[in-house]
Protein backbone atom coordinates (compact mmCIF):
# COMPACT_ATOMS: atom_id res chain seq x y z
CA MET A 1 -113.50 -24.33 -141.78
CA SER A 2 -115.78 -22.05 -143.70
CA PHE A 3 -114.27 -19.78 -146.33
CA PHE A 4 -114.80 -16.04 -146.08
CA PRO A 5 -112.96 -13.63 -148.40
CA ASP A 6 -110.40 -11.31 -146.88
CA MET A 7 -111.89 -7.92 -146.01
CA GLY A 8 -115.43 -9.24 -146.44
CA CYS A 9 -118.08 -8.18 -143.90
CA LYS A 10 -118.92 -11.70 -142.74
CA SER A 11 -117.08 -14.40 -140.80
CA LEU A 12 -118.06 -17.49 -138.84
CA VAL A 13 -118.41 -15.54 -135.58
CA ALA A 14 -119.38 -12.00 -136.57
CA ALA A 15 -120.95 -10.12 -139.46
CA GLY A 16 -121.89 -6.56 -140.31
CA ASN A 17 -120.57 -3.42 -141.93
CA HIS A 18 -118.04 -3.09 -139.09
CA VAL A 19 -116.53 -6.59 -139.65
CA ARG A 20 -113.56 -7.41 -141.87
CA ALA A 21 -112.79 -11.12 -142.22
CA VAL A 22 -109.12 -12.12 -142.40
CA GLY A 23 -107.53 -15.54 -142.79
CA TRP A 24 -110.60 -17.72 -143.36
CA LEU A 25 -108.81 -19.76 -146.03
CA HIS A 26 -109.85 -22.82 -148.01
CA PRO A 27 -107.95 -24.79 -150.70
CA ASP A 28 -110.67 -24.09 -153.28
CA HIS A 29 -109.97 -20.33 -153.12
CA PRO A 30 -106.77 -18.45 -153.99
CA TYR A 31 -105.15 -16.25 -151.34
CA THR A 32 -102.41 -13.62 -151.20
CA THR A 33 -98.93 -14.90 -150.40
CA GLY A 34 -95.73 -13.19 -149.33
CA PRO A 35 -93.55 -12.39 -146.35
CA VAL A 36 -94.85 -10.68 -143.22
CA PRO A 37 -92.87 -8.54 -140.78
CA ASP A 38 -91.37 -10.49 -137.87
CA GLU A 39 -92.82 -8.05 -135.32
CA PHE A 40 -96.29 -8.57 -136.80
CA LEU A 41 -96.05 -12.36 -136.55
CA ALA A 42 -94.84 -12.16 -132.94
CA ARG A 43 -97.70 -9.83 -132.01
CA LEU A 44 -100.24 -11.97 -133.90
CA LYS A 45 -99.15 -14.99 -131.85
CA GLU A 46 -99.94 -12.98 -128.72
CA PHE A 47 -103.47 -12.35 -130.03
CA VAL A 48 -103.91 -16.05 -130.81
CA ALA A 49 -102.71 -17.00 -127.32
CA ARG A 50 -105.44 -14.72 -125.94
CA SER A 51 -108.18 -15.69 -128.39
CA GLY A 52 -110.43 -16.81 -125.53
CA ASP A 53 -110.17 -13.38 -123.89
CA SER A 54 -110.97 -11.77 -127.24
CA ALA A 55 -113.97 -13.99 -127.91
CA GLU A 56 -115.34 -13.24 -124.45
CA ALA A 57 -114.79 -9.49 -124.81
CA LEU A 58 -116.53 -9.49 -128.20
CA TYR A 59 -119.41 -11.81 -127.29
CA PHE A 60 -118.47 -14.33 -129.98
CA GLY A 61 -119.96 -17.18 -127.97
CA ALA A 62 -119.12 -20.81 -128.72
CA PHE A 63 -118.92 -21.36 -132.46
CA GLY A 64 -117.33 -23.65 -134.98
CA GLY A 65 -115.61 -26.31 -132.94
CA TYR A 66 -112.39 -28.13 -133.73
CA HIS A 67 -110.79 -27.39 -137.12
CA THR A 68 -108.02 -29.21 -138.98
CA CYS A 69 -106.03 -27.40 -141.68
CA GLU A 70 -107.55 -28.35 -145.03
CA PHE A 71 -104.27 -27.68 -146.84
CA CYS A 72 -102.05 -30.12 -144.92
CA ASP A 73 -104.04 -31.83 -142.11
CA ARG A 74 -101.14 -31.09 -139.72
CA SER A 75 -102.50 -28.24 -137.61
CA HIS A 76 -105.62 -27.77 -135.53
CA GLY A 77 -107.44 -24.83 -134.03
CA ILE A 78 -110.66 -23.92 -132.27
CA GLY A 79 -110.49 -20.21 -131.43
CA ASN A 80 -111.29 -16.95 -133.17
CA PHE A 81 -110.31 -13.43 -132.21
CA GLY A 82 -110.95 -9.81 -133.05
CA VAL A 83 -108.55 -6.94 -133.68
CA PRO A 84 -110.19 -3.52 -133.34
CA SER A 85 -109.13 -0.61 -135.52
CA GLY A 86 -111.30 2.47 -135.18
CA ASP A 87 -114.83 1.53 -136.24
CA VAL A 88 -113.66 -1.71 -137.90
CA LEU A 89 -113.20 -5.08 -136.26
CA PHE A 90 -110.90 -7.54 -138.01
CA VAL A 91 -112.04 -11.10 -137.24
CA ALA A 92 -109.68 -14.04 -137.72
CA PRO A 93 -109.40 -17.71 -136.80
CA GLU A 94 -106.43 -18.71 -134.64
CA MET A 95 -105.31 -20.89 -137.58
CA VAL A 96 -104.14 -17.69 -139.28
CA VAL A 97 -100.65 -18.11 -137.76
CA HIS A 98 -100.36 -21.60 -139.24
CA TYR A 99 -101.50 -20.31 -142.63
CA ILE A 100 -98.81 -17.62 -142.54
CA GLU A 101 -95.98 -19.85 -141.33
CA GLN A 102 -96.75 -23.02 -143.29
CA HIS A 103 -98.68 -21.89 -146.35
CA GLY A 104 -97.20 -18.47 -147.12
CA TYR A 105 -100.41 -16.53 -146.49
CA ARG A 106 -100.02 -12.74 -146.46
CA PRO A 107 -102.91 -10.99 -144.66
CA PRO A 108 -104.09 -7.56 -145.86
CA ASP A 109 -101.87 -4.62 -144.88
CA GLU A 110 -104.74 -3.05 -142.91
CA PHE A 111 -104.85 -6.13 -140.68
CA VAL A 112 -101.08 -6.12 -140.20
CA GLU A 113 -101.21 -2.48 -139.12
CA ALA A 114 -104.17 -3.10 -136.79
CA VAL A 115 -102.42 -6.02 -135.06
CA LEU A 116 -99.35 -3.89 -134.47
CA ARG A 117 -101.41 -0.98 -133.03
CA SER A 118 -104.16 -2.69 -131.06
CA PRO A 119 -103.97 -3.44 -127.35
CA LEU A 120 -103.98 -7.13 -126.46
CA PRO A 121 -107.25 -8.85 -125.50
CA ASP A 122 -106.39 -9.33 -121.83
CA THR A 123 -106.03 -5.60 -121.17
CA ASP A 124 -108.45 -2.97 -119.87
CA GLU A 125 -107.78 -0.86 -122.97
CA TYR A 126 -108.91 -3.71 -125.25
CA GLN A 127 -112.08 -4.15 -123.17
CA LEU A 128 -112.82 -0.44 -123.53
CA ILE A 129 -112.32 -0.14 -127.28
CA THR A 130 -114.16 -3.39 -128.07
CA GLU A 131 -117.23 -2.59 -125.98
CA PRO A 132 -119.19 -1.09 -128.93
CA PHE A 133 -118.54 -4.29 -130.92
CA TRP A 134 -119.61 -6.41 -127.94
CA HIS A 135 -122.98 -4.65 -127.90
CA LEU A 136 -123.42 -5.16 -131.64
CA HIS A 137 -122.66 -8.88 -131.43
CA ARG A 138 -124.82 -9.41 -128.36
CA SER A 139 -127.81 -7.82 -130.05
CA VAL A 140 -127.29 -9.82 -133.27
CA ILE A 141 -127.18 -13.09 -131.29
CA ALA A 142 -130.28 -12.09 -129.32
CA ARG A 143 -132.17 -11.42 -132.58
CA MET A 144 -131.07 -14.80 -133.97
CA VAL A 145 -132.26 -16.62 -130.85
CA GLU A 146 -135.54 -14.70 -130.91
CA ALA A 147 -136.09 -15.56 -134.58
CA ARG A 148 -135.40 -19.24 -133.96
CA SER A 149 -137.82 -19.37 -131.05
CA ALA A 150 -140.53 -17.78 -133.20
CA GLU A 151 -140.19 -20.44 -135.92
CA PRO A 152 -143.03 -22.98 -136.21
CA GLY A 153 -142.25 -26.04 -134.11
CA ALA A 154 -139.71 -24.21 -131.96
CA ALA A 155 -141.71 -24.80 -128.78
CA ALA A 156 -141.76 -28.55 -129.50
CA ASP A 157 -137.99 -28.48 -130.09
CA ARG A 158 -137.54 -26.98 -126.63
CA GLY A 159 -139.63 -29.71 -125.04
CA ALA A 160 -142.61 -27.46 -124.32
């Protein structure tokens, strides 16, 4: 998995001033450790279980593929999810639960608070408050596709 620093504005599936990456860990980079509240971990597991609903609501598309934990090789994940908090969207891989439970990772307090406050991805309320982010991500992806198709040789790549 790619490394992105906690609270940075870029992740594998979203980037911008509104994005805050959380839990994109790698063994070559230190990370914060410590206990997390039980209610936070339980709620976080609910977000992970609904990561597909979150990715769809946020227009993350299909990214990344299958990932094996680079710390222990004993856990696997494929999904990513977003946790909205005002005008900020925390973006995390579903492996974040494994990192907390098995490797002592302690996410930023702002993320913990957002997880506890945010509606779950399979709710109408989540759909409503993530809609502005969905539009941002859709337009970013459209610009990326447009830029790729304008590159020299792109028409040949498409079989034209």
